[in-house]
C-alpha cells in the first residue's frame, strides 16, 4: 500500500481475516490468503516503523533549525512581524501519525514505549553540551536551538496525538532538561571573563525561557539561575573597571585642569557636577581645582551603573529590586575596586607631596558628587533615594578613607623629606663660638617647607594645619635627638649658640604662619621643649630651674632633668679644653666645680622624683 494507506490496508486485512475469508469457505485461495495475512500485517508495520525511524533521525538532525525558527518567532512576536513558519510547516509529522494508527490496532502500548524511549535517548544527546560551548555565543545558541527544537516537537505531538505522549511524560523530560541545562550553564558560564559575552548569554537565556514559556513550560528556574549569574557578571565588571580606574590613574598628571574658554569649562562641568560661584567670577584662562581623574572617574561610575542595568533588564524584577542590586554593586565598586586603585596610586614610588595634595582635593570633590550619583541611579531605576529600606551608597566612606590615607602619606612624606635635610647637618660640636647665620642645611629646609606649604592652599584647612604642626613637631624632635646623639660626645657653648641660631630660624618660620588658621603662636609650641632647654643652657639659669622644678609656674617646665643631665655631661669635658666660660670672668676650676655641682644637684633631683 501507499504511505497514506497503511491503516485502511490493515483494516482490510482484519475484515478479510475475521469476516470475508471464513464466509468464503474452504477454497484453496482463501487458505493461501489467510496464511499471508500475518506476513502482510508485519510488512506494513515494519514499513511504518522504518518510516518512523527515518522521521526520528530527521528531527534529531533538524532540531537545531526547528528551535531557531521558534526563537525567531518569539523575537518577532512583539513587533508583529511576518509570521515565521512553525514546527508543523518545517516537519512532516505524518510518519508518526501513520505509525500510531498502524500500532493502535493491538500494539499501541508497545509503540508508545518505543517512541518515548527513543525520544528520551535523543533528549540526553541534545542536553549534552559541546566542551567548547563557552567560547562563543554561537556555541550557546546552537545548544539552545536544539533544546527548543526538541520540546517544540514534543509539544506538537502532545497536542496532535491522543496519548502518544502525555503531560506527565513531557513534564518529566522538561524537569530533566532544566536540571541538565542549568548545570551546563553554571559550568560553562563560569569560564567566561568577557562581560559582553555574559550579557549576550543572559539575553539568549531570556529568549530561551520566553520561547519555552510560550509553549507552556515552567521557566522560573531559568530566571532564578540568571539572577544567580549576576554575581559572576558583577565580578567580571569589577575586574574590567579595576583596569579602567588604574588606566585613568596612570594617565592622570595630578594637576588642576586648565580651562581657556567658556566652552571648555562647560565641557568639564557637563561631565562632572561641579559648582563654584567664586571660580565662575574669575576671568579665563583659569583652573579647575581637580585633575582629569575626577570627571573621568565620575563618568566611569555612571558607565558601570548602565552596565549593571543592562543585565537586570528583562529578568522580571521590580524596580525596587533592580535599584537595590545596582546600589549594592556600585557600593562594591566604590569600597573595593576604586578604594584599592586609590591606595595603589598613593603607594607608587613617584608620588610626591604635590600629587598627594591633589589626591585629597580630588577625593573631596568626588565625595561631594556622591549625592548626584545617588540621583542618577534613582532617575534610571525610578526609585526615589529616600525610599524606605533603600540601600545607601557608601561612596563617601571610600573617598574619606582615601583622603585620610593621603593625609597620612603627606605627614610621612614630609617627615622623610625633613630627615633627608637633617642628614646634611654638619655641626662643629667643639666650636669656640657660633656663627651669626643659620646653617645652610636648615635654610634649605625652611625654604623647602615654605614652598611646600604654599601648595597646600587648596587643601581643607585642617589638613594643612595638621601637616604643618606635624612637620614642626618632627623637626623639633629630630633637632633635639641630633643634640643628644650618643655619637656626639662633647658639646661646646659655641656649638650650642649655633644650634640656638638654627632653632630661632625655625621659630621665625613658625611665627610667620606658613599656613593660615593657627591662633596666635600655636605653631611655636612645637619648638617650646627645645627653646626652654636652650634658654636654660645659654642663660645658665640653673638656680631657677632647680628651685622651681615641679611647680606649674616653672619657667623651664618642659625641660626633662634627664635631658638636661645628658647635655650637661657632654659639656663637662669641653670646659677643660677651651675657654667657653670666659664671659663669666671666673677661673677654670670654679667653672668645672660649677658644672659638677649642677650635675650632682640634677642627679639628686632625679633620684628624689624616682623614689
Protein backbone atom coordinates (compact mmCIF):
# COMPACT_ATOMS: atom_id res chain seq x y z
CA UNK A 1 0.00 0.00 0.00
CA UNK A 2 0.99 3.66 -0.45
CA UNK A 3 2.25 5.59 2.59
CA UNK A 4 -1.17 7.04 3.42
CA UNK A 5 -2.98 3.68 3.01
CA UNK A 6 -1.35 1.59 5.80
CA UNK A 7 -4.22 1.92 8.23
CA UNK A 8 -7.00 1.13 5.67
CA UNK A 9 -4.89 -1.81 4.41
CA UNK A 10 -4.65 -3.19 7.95
CA UNK A 11 -8.41 -2.80 8.42
CA UNK A 12 -8.99 -4.59 5.12
CA UNK A 13 -6.72 -7.46 6.25
CA UNK A 14 -8.66 -7.59 9.52
CA UNK A 15 -12.01 -7.72 7.68
CA UNK A 16 -10.67 -10.45 5.39
CA UNK A 17 -9.32 -12.45 8.32
CA UNK A 18 -12.33 -12.09 10.57
CA UNK A 19 -15.30 -11.84 8.18
CA UNK A 20 -14.76 -12.43 4.46
CA UNK A 21 -12.48 -15.47 4.40
CA UNK A 22 -14.42 -17.54 6.97
CA UNK A 23 -17.60 -16.96 4.89
CA UNK A 24 -15.93 -17.89 1.60
CA UNK A 25 -15.50 -21.46 2.70
CA UNK A 26 -12.66 -23.94 2.18
CA UNK A 27 -11.25 -22.68 -1.12
CA UNK A 28 -7.53 -23.06 -1.71
CA UNK A 29 -7.01 -19.34 -2.50
CA UNK A 30 -8.73 -18.48 0.80
CA UNK A 31 -6.27 -20.66 2.63
CA UNK A 32 -3.30 -19.04 0.82
CA UNK A 33 -4.65 -15.54 1.59
CA UNK A 34 -5.25 -16.46 5.20
CA UNK A 35 -1.68 -17.72 5.54
CA UNK A 36 -0.28 -14.47 4.03
CA UNK A 37 -2.24 -12.04 6.22
CA UNK A 38 0.20 -12.15 9.24
CA UNK A 39 3.15 -11.63 6.89
CA UNK A 40 1.42 -8.68 5.18
CA UNK A 41 0.47 -7.20 8.55
CA UNK A 42 4.10 -7.47 9.71
CA UNK A 43 5.32 -5.97 6.43
CA UNK A 44 3.00 -2.94 6.82
CA UNK A 45 4.05 -2.45 10.44
CA UNK A 46 7.73 -2.78 9.59
CA UNK A 47 7.41 -0.31 6.74
CA UNK A 48 5.59 2.19 9.01
CA UNK A 49 8.22 1.66 11.72
CA UNK A 50 11.04 2.15 9.21
CA UNK A 51 9.50 5.46 8.18
CA UNK A 52 9.12 6.45 11.86
CA UNK A 53 12.83 5.72 12.40
CA UNK A 54 13.64 7.93 9.42
CA UNK A 55 11.42 10.61 10.96
CA UNK A 56 13.19 10.34 14.35
CA UNK A 57 16.58 10.60 12.65
CA UNK A 58 15.35 13.56 10.63
CA UNK A 59 14.03 15.54 13.63
CA UNK A 60 17.26 14.82 15.53
CA UNK A 61 19.14 16.46 12.66
CA UNK A 62 16.64 19.28 12.19
CA UNK A 63 16.09 20.03 15.89
CA UNK A 64 18.51 22.96 15.58
CA UNK A 65 16.52 24.52 12.71
CA UNK A 66 13.15 23.94 14.42
CA UNK A 67 14.44 25.62 17.61
CA UNK A 68 15.98 28.52 15.70
CA UNK A 69 12.65 29.12 13.94
CA UNK A 70 10.72 29.02 17.23
CA UNK A 71 13.14 31.52 18.81
CA UNK A 72 12.80 33.82 15.78
CA UNK A 73 9.04 33.59 16.15
CA UNK A 74 9.37 34.67 19.79
CA UNK A 75 11.61 37.61 18.81
CA UNK A 76 9.23 38.66 16.02
CA UNK A 77 6.08 38.40 18.15
CA UNK A 78 6.25 41.83 19.88
CA UNK A 79 6.95 43.58 16.57
CA UNK A 80 4.01 41.99 14.70
CA UNK A 81 6.44 40.83 12.02
CA UNK A 82 5.64 38.46 9.18
CA UNK A 83 4.64 35.08 10.56
CA UNK A 84 7.63 32.73 10.87
CA UNK A 85 6.85 29.09 9.97
CA UNK A 86 6.12 26.82 12.95
CA UNK A 87 7.14 23.21 13.63
CA UNK A 88 4.30 21.74 11.52
CA UNK A 89 5.45 23.75 8.49
CA UNK A 90 9.06 22.62 8.90
CA UNK A 91 8.44 18.95 9.73
CA UNK A 92 6.21 16.32 8.15
CA UNK A 93 4.67 14.56 11.16
CA UNK A 94 2.66 12.07 9.03
CA UNK A 95 5.06 9.12 9.69
CA UNK A 96 4.26 9.43 13.42
CA UNK A 97 0.51 9.56 12.85
CA UNK A 98 0.64 6.61 10.40
CA UNK A 99 2.73 4.50 12.73
CA UNK A 100 0.43 5.37 15.62
CA UNK A 101 -2.58 4.29 13.55
CA UNK A 102 -0.86 1.09 12.49
CA UNK A 103 0.11 0.18 16.05
CA UNK A 104 -3.16 1.34 17.56
CA UNK A 105 -4.61 -1.95 16.37
CA UNK A 106 -3.37 -4.23 19.11
CA UNK A 107 0.16 -2.90 19.80
CA UNK A 108 -0.36 0.72 20.87
CA UNK A 109 1.43 0.35 24.23
CA UNK A 110 4.46 -1.22 22.56
CA UNK A 111 4.59 1.70 20.10
CA UNK A 112 4.20 4.37 22.85
CA UNK A 113 7.04 2.82 24.86
CA UNK A 114 9.27 2.63 21.79
CA UNK A 115 8.62 6.29 20.79
CA UNK A 116 9.12 7.63 24.32
CA UNK A 117 12.33 5.64 24.90
CA UNK A 118 13.80 6.81 21.60
CA UNK A 119 12.98 10.43 22.39
CA UNK A 120 14.43 10.12 25.91
CA UNK A 121 17.70 8.92 24.37
CA UNK A 122 17.60 11.84 21.92
CA UNK A 123 16.89 14.26 24.79
CA UNK A 124 20.00 13.09 26.62
CA UNK A 125 22.09 13.68 23.49
CA UNK A 126 20.55 17.12 22.93
CA UNK A 127 21.23 18.12 26.54
CA UNK A 128 24.91 17.18 26.34
CA UNK A 129 26.74 20.46 25.54
CA UNK A 130 29.94 20.67 23.46
CA UNK A 131 33.07 21.01 25.59
CA UNK A 132 33.94 24.35 23.94
CA UNK A 133 30.41 25.78 24.10
CA UNK A 134 31.53 28.62 26.39
CA UNK A 135 33.98 30.03 23.83
CA UNK A 136 31.41 31.77 21.63
CA UNK A 137 27.81 32.93 21.77
CA UNK A 138 27.15 30.77 18.71
CA UNK A 139 28.01 27.67 20.79
CA UNK A 140 25.30 28.55 23.32
CA UNK A 141 22.85 29.47 20.55
CA UNK A 142 23.17 26.03 18.87
CA UNK A 143 22.71 24.31 22.24
CA UNK A 144 19.55 26.30 22.99
CA UNK A 145 18.14 25.83 19.46
CA UNK A 146 18.38 22.06 19.83
CA UNK A 147 16.66 22.10 23.24
CA UNK A 148 13.85 24.34 21.98
CA UNK A 149 13.54 22.25 18.79
CA UNK A 150 13.19 19.07 20.84
CA UNK A 151 10.42 20.44 23.06
CA UNK A 152 8.55 22.18 20.23
CA UNK A 153 8.26 18.75 18.54
CA UNK A 154 7.10 17.07 21.77
CA UNK A 155 4.58 19.84 22.39
CA UNK A 156 3.20 19.38 18.86
CA UNK A 157 2.98 15.59 19.35
CA UNK A 158 1.26 16.15 22.73
CA UNK A 159 -1.42 18.32 21.13
CA UNK A 160 -1.96 16.37 17.87
CA UNK A 161 -1.92 12.73 19.01
CA UNK A 162 -4.23 11.37 21.62
CA UNK A 163 -1.93 9.99 24.27
CA UNK A 164 1.21 9.04 22.32
CA UNK A 165 2.87 11.34 24.83
CA UNK A 166 1.06 12.76 27.84
CA UNK A 167 1.59 15.83 30.03
CA UNK A 168 3.36 13.82 32.77
CA UNK A 169 5.91 12.41 30.26
CA UNK A 170 6.62 15.86 28.77
CA UNK A 171 6.95 17.42 32.25
CA UNK A 172 9.33 14.66 33.35
CA UNK A 173 11.50 15.33 30.27
CA UNK A 174 11.36 19.08 30.89
CA UNK A 175 12.49 18.62 34.52
CA UNK A 176 15.45 16.58 33.26
CA UNK A 177 16.20 19.22 30.63
CA UNK A 178 16.02 22.06 33.17
CA UNK A 179 18.44 20.43 35.62
CA UNK A 180 20.90 19.44 32.86
CA UNK A 181 20.73 22.83 31.11
CA UNK A 182 21.17 24.81 34.33
CA UNK A 183 24.11 22.61 35.39
CA UNK A 184 25.73 23.03 31.95
CA UNK A 185 25.22 26.80 32.00
CA UNK A 186 26.65 27.14 35.51
CA UNK A 187 29.76 25.23 34.47
CA UNK A 188 30.33 26.85 31.08
CA UNK A 189 29.47 30.43 32.06
CA UNK A 190 32.00 30.22 34.92
CA UNK A 191 34.80 30.17 32.30
CA UNK A 192 33.64 33.48 30.86
CA UNK A 193 35.70 36.62 31.53
CA UNK A 194 34.07 38.94 28.98
CA UNK A 195 31.14 40.96 30.39
CA UNK A 196 29.68 41.49 26.90
CA UNK A 197 29.53 37.73 26.32
CA UNK A 198 27.83 37.20 29.72
CA UNK A 199 25.31 39.91 28.80
CA UNK A 200 24.63 38.35 25.37
CA UNK A 201 24.30 34.94 27.03
CA UNK A 202 21.79 36.33 29.54
CA UNK A 203 19.73 37.80 26.68
CA UNK A 204 19.86 34.44 24.91
CA UNK A 205 18.70 32.60 28.06
CA UNK A 206 15.84 35.13 28.38
CA UNK A 207 14.84 34.34 24.77
CA UNK A 208 15.08 30.58 25.50
CA UNK A 209 12.90 30.99 28.61
CA UNK A 210 10.34 33.23 26.89
CA UNK A 211 10.11 30.88 23.88
CA UNK A 212 9.53 27.78 26.01
CA UNK A 213 7.17 29.64 28.33
CA UNK A 214 5.12 30.41 25.20
CA UNK A 215 4.71 26.63 24.80
CA UNK A 216 3.54 26.29 28.40
CA UNK A 217 6.79 25.11 30.01
CA UNK A 218 7.58 26.48 33.52
CA UNK A 219 10.80 28.54 33.30
CA UNK A 220 11.14 30.26 36.70
CA UNK A 221 14.27 28.18 37.46
CA UNK A 222 16.00 29.72 34.42
CA UNK A 223 15.25 33.22 35.72
CA UNK A 224 16.50 32.20 39.18
CA UNK A 225 19.73 31.00 37.60
CA UNK A 226 20.16 34.27 35.69
CA UNK A 227 19.69 36.15 38.94
CA UNK A 228 22.42 33.93 40.45
CA UNK A 229 24.68 34.67 37.48
CA UNK A 230 24.52 38.40 38.33
CA UNK A 231 27.25 37.87 40.96
CA UNK A 232 29.60 36.41 38.37
CA UNK A 233 28.72 39.21 35.94
CA UNK A 234 29.34 41.69 38.78
CA UNK A 235 32.79 40.22 39.49
CA UNK A 236 33.72 40.39 35.79
CA UNK A 237 32.56 44.03 35.70
CA UNK A 238 34.64 44.85 38.80
CA UNK A 239 37.75 43.40 37.12
CA UNK A 240 37.06 45.41 33.97
CA UNK A 241 36.53 48.62 35.94
CA UNK A 242 39.62 47.94 38.05
CA UNK A 243 41.66 48.16 34.82
CA UNK A 244 39.72 51.26 33.72
CA UNK A 245 40.37 53.08 37.02
CA UNK A 246 44.06 52.13 37.00
CA UNK A 247 44.41 53.40 33.46
CA UNK A 248 42.77 56.71 34.44
CA UNK A 249 45.12 56.99 37.44
CA UNK A 250 48.22 56.07 35.42
CA UNK A 251 47.41 58.69 32.79
CA UNK A 252 46.50 61.45 35.24
CA UNK A 253 49.03 64.25 35.71
CA UNK A 254 47.69 65.10 39.21
CA UNK A 255 47.46 68.79 38.30
CA UNK A 256 44.46 71.14 38.32
CA UNK A 257 42.73 71.26 34.91
CA UNK A 258 43.44 74.47 32.98
CA UNK A 259 40.43 75.84 31.06
CA UNK A 260 40.93 78.55 28.46
CA UNK A 261 37.36 79.19 27.31
CA UNK A 262 33.75 79.10 28.49
CA UNK A 263 33.15 76.17 26.10
CA UNK A 264 35.95 74.10 27.71
CA UNK A 265 34.62 75.00 31.15
CA UNK A 266 31.11 73.80 30.23
CA UNK A 267 32.55 70.62 28.72
CA UNK A 268 34.02 69.63 32.10
CA UNK A 269 31.05 70.74 34.19
CA UNK A 270 28.72 68.71 31.93
CA UNK A 271 30.85 65.60 32.63
CA UNK A 272 31.01 66.22 36.36
CA UNK A 273 28.61 68.00 38.75
CA UNK A 274 30.81 70.91 39.87
CA UNK A 275 29.70 74.31 41.14
CA UNK A 276 31.96 77.07 42.44
CA UNK A 277 30.48 80.59 42.34
CA UNK A 278 33.88 82.11 43.21
CA UNK A 279 35.60 80.35 40.31
CA UNK A 280 32.76 81.37 37.98
CA UNK A 281 33.59 85.04 38.64
CA UNK A 282 37.25 84.68 37.63
CA UNK A 283 38.26 85.54 34.04
CA UNK A 284 39.59 82.94 31.57
CA UNK A 285 42.06 81.24 31.46
CA UNK A 286 41.53 79.66 34.89
CA UNK A 287 41.99 76.30 36.61
CA UNK A 288 39.51 73.81 37.98
CA UNK A 289 40.70 72.65 41.43
CA UNK A 290 40.64 68.94 40.50
CA UNK A 291 42.64 66.93 37.96
CA UNK A 292 41.34 64.94 34.94
CA UNK A 293 40.93 61.94 37.24
CA UNK A 294 37.75 63.38 38.79
CA UNK A 295 35.44 63.76 35.74
CA UNK A 296 36.82 60.52 34.27
CA UNK A 297 36.14 58.51 37.44
CA UNK A 298 32.65 60.01 37.69
CA UNK A 299 31.94 59.05 34.05
CA UNK A 300 33.24 55.52 34.73
CA UNK A 301 30.92 55.20 37.75
CA UNK A 302 27.93 56.11 35.56
CA UNK A 303 29.07 53.66 32.84
CA UNK A 304 29.24 50.93 35.49
CA UNK A 305 25.65 51.65 36.58
CA UNK A 306 24.49 51.38 32.95
CA UNK A 307 26.39 48.07 32.55
CA UNK A 308 24.63 46.70 35.67
CA UNK A 309 21.24 47.90 34.47
CA UNK A 310 21.67 46.12 31.12
CA UNK A 311 21.93 42.79 32.93
CA UNK A 312 18.77 43.26 35.01
CA UNK A 313 16.56 44.22 32.06
CA UNK A 314 14.02 41.50 31.11
CA UNK A 315 14.64 39.49 34.30
CA UNK A 316 11.09 40.19 35.52
CA UNK A 317 12.41 42.12 38.57
CA UNK A 318 10.62 45.01 40.26
CA UNK A 319 12.17 48.48 40.02
CA UNK A 320 12.99 48.41 43.77
CA UNK A 321 14.81 45.08 43.33
CA UNK A 322 16.78 46.50 40.39
CA UNK A 323 17.58 49.66 42.36
CA UNK A 324 18.77 47.58 45.31
CA UNK A 325 21.10 45.30 43.31
CA UNK A 326 22.54 48.24 41.33
CA UNK A 327 23.29 50.17 44.54
CA UNK A 328 24.89 47.10 46.14
CA UNK A 329 27.05 46.53 43.04
CA UNK A 330 28.05 50.21 42.97
CA UNK A 331 28.97 50.01 46.66
CA UNK A 332 31.28 47.09 45.88
CA UNK A 333 32.83 49.08 43.03
CA UNK A 334 33.47 52.02 45.36
CA UNK A 335 34.55 50.27 48.56
CA UNK A 336 36.62 47.52 46.95
CA UNK A 337 37.72 48.32 43.41
CA UNK A 338 38.08 52.10 43.43
CA UNK A 339 39.39 52.09 47.00
CA UNK A 340 42.18 49.63 46.07
CA UNK A 341 43.05 51.68 42.98
CA UNK A 342 43.37 54.85 45.06
CA UNK A 343 45.63 53.04 47.56
CA UNK A 344 47.72 51.74 44.64
CA UNK A 345 48.03 55.28 43.24
CA UNK A 346 49.28 56.66 46.56
CA UNK A 347 51.83 53.91 47.12
CA UNK A 348 53.60 54.40 43.79
CA UNK A 349 57.24 55.50 44.14
CA UNK A 350 56.94 58.69 42.10
CA UNK A 351 54.04 60.13 44.11
CA UNK A 352 55.23 63.27 45.83
CA UNK A 353 53.63 65.85 48.10
CA UNK A 354 52.04 67.81 45.24
CA UNK A 355 50.36 64.63 43.92
CA UNK A 356 49.13 63.68 47.40
CA UNK A 357 47.67 67.16 47.85
CA UNK A 358 45.85 66.69 44.52
CA UNK A 359 44.53 63.27 45.67
CA UNK A 360 42.97 64.98 48.71
CA UNK A 361 41.36 67.68 46.55
CA UNK A 362 40.14 65.07 44.04
CA UNK A 363 38.60 62.78 46.67
CA UNK A 364 36.92 65.75 48.37
CA UNK A 365 35.28 66.64 45.04
CA UNK A 366 34.26 63.02 44.36
CA UNK A 367 32.80 62.67 47.84
CA UNK A 368 30.64 65.74 47.19
CA UNK A 369 29.48 64.16 43.89
CA UNK A 370 28.05 61.04 45.59
CA UNK A 371 24.72 62.78 46.15
CA UNK A 372 24.47 63.31 42.35
CA UNK A 373 25.38 59.68 41.73
CA UNK A 374 22.51 58.66 44.05
CA UNK A 375 20.18 60.88 42.00
CA UNK A 376 21.49 59.39 38.75
CA UNK A 377 20.73 55.83 39.95
CA UNK A 378 17.26 56.90 41.16
CA UNK A 379 16.47 58.50 37.80
CA UNK A 380 17.27 55.37 35.81
CA UNK A 381 15.56 52.94 38.24
CA UNK A 382 12.61 55.26 39.03
CA UNK A 383 13.07 54.62 42.76
CA UNK A 384 13.47 57.77 44.92
CA UNK A 385 16.65 57.67 47.07
CA UNK A 386 14.63 58.31 50.25
CA UNK A 387 12.51 55.16 49.74
CA UNK A 388 12.22 53.09 52.92
CA UNK A 389 14.87 50.34 53.14
CA UNK A 390 16.67 51.67 50.04
CA UNK A 391 20.37 50.74 50.03
CA UNK A 392 22.58 53.78 50.57
CA UNK A 393 25.81 54.40 48.67
CA UNK A 394 28.94 54.04 50.80
CA UNK A 395 30.99 56.07 48.34
CA UNK A 396 31.53 58.83 50.84
CA UNK A 397 33.39 56.45 53.15
CA UNK A 398 35.66 55.29 50.28
CA UNK A 399 36.66 58.87 49.48
CA UNK A 400 37.06 59.75 53.17
CA UNK A 401 39.31 56.72 53.71
CA UNK A 402 41.39 57.57 50.63
CA UNK A 403 41.70 61.15 51.82
CA UNK A 404 42.82 60.09 55.29
CA UNK A 405 45.35 57.71 53.72
CA UNK A 406 46.65 60.57 51.54
CA UNK A 407 46.88 62.81 54.61
CA UNK A 408 48.90 60.18 56.46
CA UNK A 409 51.14 59.80 53.39
CA UNK A 410 51.66 63.58 53.37
CA UNK A 411 52.72 63.58 57.03
CA UNK A 412 55.04 60.60 56.46
CA UNK A 413 56.40 62.09 53.25
CA UNK A 414 57.07 65.47 54.87
CA UNK A 415 58.88 63.84 57.78
CA UNK A 416 61.01 61.79 55.38
CA UNK A 417 61.98 64.98 53.50
CA UNK A 418 62.87 66.70 56.78
CA UNK A 419 65.05 63.68 57.68
CA UNK A 420 66.86 63.98 54.32
CA UNK A 421 67.77 67.62 55.07
CA UNK A 422 68.82 66.77 58.64
CA UNK A 423 71.26 64.18 57.31
CA UNK A 424 73.13 67.11 55.75
CA UNK A 425 73.55 68.81 59.16
CA UNK A 426 77.27 69.22 59.88
CA UNK A 427 77.75 70.89 63.27
CA UNK A 428 81.19 71.54 64.73
CA UNK A 429 80.28 70.43 68.25
CA UNK A 430 83.54 71.81 69.72
CA UNK A 431 83.35 75.30 68.11
CA UNK A 432 84.63 78.14 70.32
CA UNK A 433 81.75 80.35 69.22
CA UNK A 434 78.67 80.15 66.97
CA UNK A 435 78.17 81.92 63.65
CA UNK A 436 75.59 84.64 63.29
CA UNK A 437 73.69 82.98 60.40
CA UNK A 438 71.57 79.82 60.32
CA UNK A 439 73.25 76.66 58.98
CA UNK A 440 72.95 76.11 55.22
CA UNK A 441 71.07 72.82 55.57
CA UNK A 442 68.48 74.50 57.78
CA UNK A 443 67.99 77.47 55.44
CA UNK A 444 67.38 74.99 52.61
CA UNK A 445 64.96 73.00 54.78
CA UNK A 446 62.95 76.11 55.71
CA UNK A 447 62.83 77.19 52.03
CA UNK A 448 61.52 73.72 51.12
CA UNK A 449 58.83 73.88 53.83
CA UNK A 450 57.74 77.36 52.69
CA UNK A 451 57.32 76.27 49.06
CA UNK A 452 55.59 73.04 50.13
CA UNK A 453 53.03 74.78 52.32
CA UNK A 454 52.28 77.30 49.57
CA UNK A 455 50.93 74.31 47.55
CA UNK A 456 48.61 73.47 50.46
CA UNK A 457 46.35 76.48 49.82
CA UNK A 458 43.63 74.34 48.14
CA UNK A 459 43.61 71.76 50.94
CA UNK A 460 40.88 71.65 53.57
CA UNK A 461 42.18 73.98 56.33
CA UNK A 462 42.55 71.32 58.99
CA UNK A 463 44.73 69.10 56.78
CA UNK A 464 47.16 71.93 56.01
CA UNK A 465 47.36 72.90 59.71
CA UNK A 466 47.87 69.29 60.85
CA UNK A 467 50.59 68.77 58.22
CA UNK A 468 52.34 71.97 59.28
CA UNK A 469 52.15 71.19 63.01
CA UNK A 470 53.26 67.59 62.36
CA UNK A 471 56.28 68.83 60.34
CA UNK A 472 57.30 71.36 63.02
CA UNK A 473 56.99 68.78 65.80
CA UNK A 474 59.03 66.27 63.81
CA UNK A 475 61.69 68.90 63.08
CA UNK A 476 61.86 69.92 66.75
CA UNK A 477 62.10 66.30 67.97
CA UNK A 478 64.75 65.47 65.35
CA UNK A 479 66.88 68.51 66.25
CA UNK A 480 66.79 67.52 69.92
CA UNK A 481 67.80 63.95 69.01
CA UNK A 482 70.68 65.40 66.99
CA UNK A 483 71.90 67.24 70.09
CA UNK A 484 71.57 64.20 72.37
CA UNK A 485 73.03 61.57 70.00
CA UNK A 486 75.49 59.22 71.73
CA UNK A 487 77.98 59.80 68.87
CA UNK A 488 78.16 63.46 69.94
CA UNK A 489 80.44 63.12 72.99
CA UNK A 490 81.22 66.80 73.53
CA UNK A 491 79.20 69.97 73.02
CA UNK A 492 80.78 73.41 73.42
CA UNK A 493 78.92 76.60 74.28
CA UNK A 494 79.85 77.89 70.80
CA UNK A 495 78.15 74.87 69.19
CA UNK A 496 75.08 75.47 71.37
CA UNK A 497 74.97 79.11 70.22
CA UNK A 498 75.00 78.00 66.55
CA UNK A 499 72.32 75.42 67.32
CA UNK A 500 70.29 78.15 69.05
CA UNK A 501 70.54 80.35 65.92
CA UNK A 502 69.09 77.47 63.87
CA UNK A 503 66.23 76.94 66.31
CA UNK A 504 65.48 80.69 66.19
CA UNK A 505 65.23 80.36 62.39
CA UNK A 506 62.69 77.53 62.89
CA UNK A 507 60.74 79.73 65.30
CA UNK A 508 60.79 82.62 62.82
CA UNK A 509 59.28 80.24 60.21
CA UNK A 510 56.59 79.11 62.70
CA UNK A 511 55.78 82.70 63.69
CA UNK A 512 55.34 83.72 60.02
CA UNK A 513 52.29 81.42 59.74
CA UNK A 514 53.21 79.18 56.78
CA UNK A 515 49.56 78.08 56.57
CA UNK A 516 46.57 80.17 57.68
CA UNK A 517 44.26 79.25 60.54
CA UNK A 518 46.61 78.97 63.56
CA UNK A 519 45.60 81.03 66.57
CA UNK A 520 48.35 83.23 67.96
CA UNK A 521 51.69 81.47 68.35
CA UNK A 522 50.20 77.93 68.42
CA UNK A 523 52.79 76.67 65.93
CA UNK A 524 55.63 77.95 68.13
CA UNK A 525 54.59 75.42 70.80
CA UNK A 526 56.17 72.70 68.61
CA UNK A 527 59.60 74.17 69.46
CA UNK A 528 58.92 75.03 73.14
CA UNK A 529 60.82 71.98 74.54
CA UNK A 530 63.93 72.98 72.56
CA UNK A 531 63.54 76.67 73.35
CA UNK A 532 63.35 76.14 77.14
CA UNK A 533 66.31 73.73 77.08
CA UNK A 534 68.48 76.15 75.06
CA UNK A 535 67.46 79.14 77.23
CA UNK A 536 68.39 77.19 80.37
CA UNK A 537 71.89 76.46 78.98
CA UNK A 538 72.67 79.73 77.21
CA UNK A 539 71.46 81.80 80.19
CA UNK A 540 72.96 79.29 82.66
CA UNK A 541 69.82 79.69 84.78
CA UNK A 542 70.19 76.57 86.92
CA UNK A 543 69.21 78.21 90.19
CA UNK A 544 65.71 79.00 88.79
CA UNK A 545 65.36 75.54 87.26
CA UNK A 546 66.34 73.67 90.44
CA UNK A 547 64.35 75.93 92.76
CA UNK A 548 61.11 75.89 90.72
CA UNK A 549 61.25 72.31 89.39
CA UNK A 550 57.85 70.62 89.51
CA UNK A 551 55.89 73.84 90.01
CA UNK A 552 53.29 74.81 87.36
CA UNK A 553 54.83 78.30 87.23
CA UNK A 554 58.31 76.97 86.47
CA UNK A 555 59.97 78.86 83.62
CA UNK A 556 61.53 75.60 82.34
CA UNK A 557 58.52 73.36 82.83
CA UNK A 558 59.18 71.41 79.59
CA UNK A 559 62.85 70.60 80.36
CA UNK A 560 63.25 66.99 81.43
CA UNK A 561 66.05 66.65 84.06
CA UNK A 562 67.37 63.52 82.27
CA UNK A 563 67.73 65.53 79.03
CA UNK A 564 69.41 68.41 80.87
CA UNK A 565 71.81 65.99 82.60
CA UNK A 566 72.74 64.26 79.29
CA UNK A 567 73.61 67.57 77.65
CA UNK A 568 75.46 68.87 80.71
CA UNK A 569 77.61 65.71 80.80
CA UNK A 570 78.62 66.47 77.16
CA UNK A 571 79.74 69.99 78.23
CA UNK A 572 81.81 68.81 81.19
CA UNK A 573 84.76 67.64 79.09
CA UNK A 574 84.85 70.61 76.72
CA UNK A 575 85.16 73.10 79.58
CA UNK A 576 88.61 71.66 80.24
CA UNK A 577 89.72 72.23 76.65
CA UNK A 578 88.52 75.68 75.74
CA UNK A 579 87.68 78.92 77.31
CA UNK A 580 83.95 78.72 76.77
CA UNK A 581 83.12 80.26 80.14
CA UNK A 582 85.39 83.26 79.63
CA UNK A 583 82.34 85.53 79.59
CA UNK A 584 81.64 84.64 83.24
CA UNK A 585 85.06 86.04 84.27
CA UNK A 586 85.82 83.25 86.80
CA UNK A 587 88.77 80.93 86.84
CA UNK A 588 88.63 77.49 85.23
CA UNK A 589 88.46 75.44 88.40
CA UNK A 590 85.40 77.30 89.60
CA UNK A 591 83.68 76.70 86.27
CA UNK A 592 84.36 72.97 86.45
CA UNK A 593 83.13 72.89 90.06
CA UNK A 594 80.01 74.74 88.97
CA UNK A 595 79.19 72.12 86.32
CA UNK A 596 79.97 69.29 88.75
CA UNK A 597 77.68 70.88 91.35
CA UNK A 598 74.80 71.23 88.87
CA UNK A 599 75.32 67.63 87.69
CA UNK A 600 75.18 66.46 91.31
CA UNK A 601 72.03 68.50 92.02
CA UNK A 602 70.35 67.18 88.87
CA UNK A 603 71.14 63.60 89.89
CA UNK A 604 69.70 64.24 93.36
CA UNK A 605 66.60 65.78 91.77
CA UNK A 606 66.13 62.75 89.51
CA UNK A 607 66.57 60.20 92.31
CA UNK A 608 64.26 62.19 94.62
CA UNK A 609 61.49 62.18 92.00
CA UNK A 610 62.06 58.50 91.19
CA UNK A 611 61.53 57.46 94.82
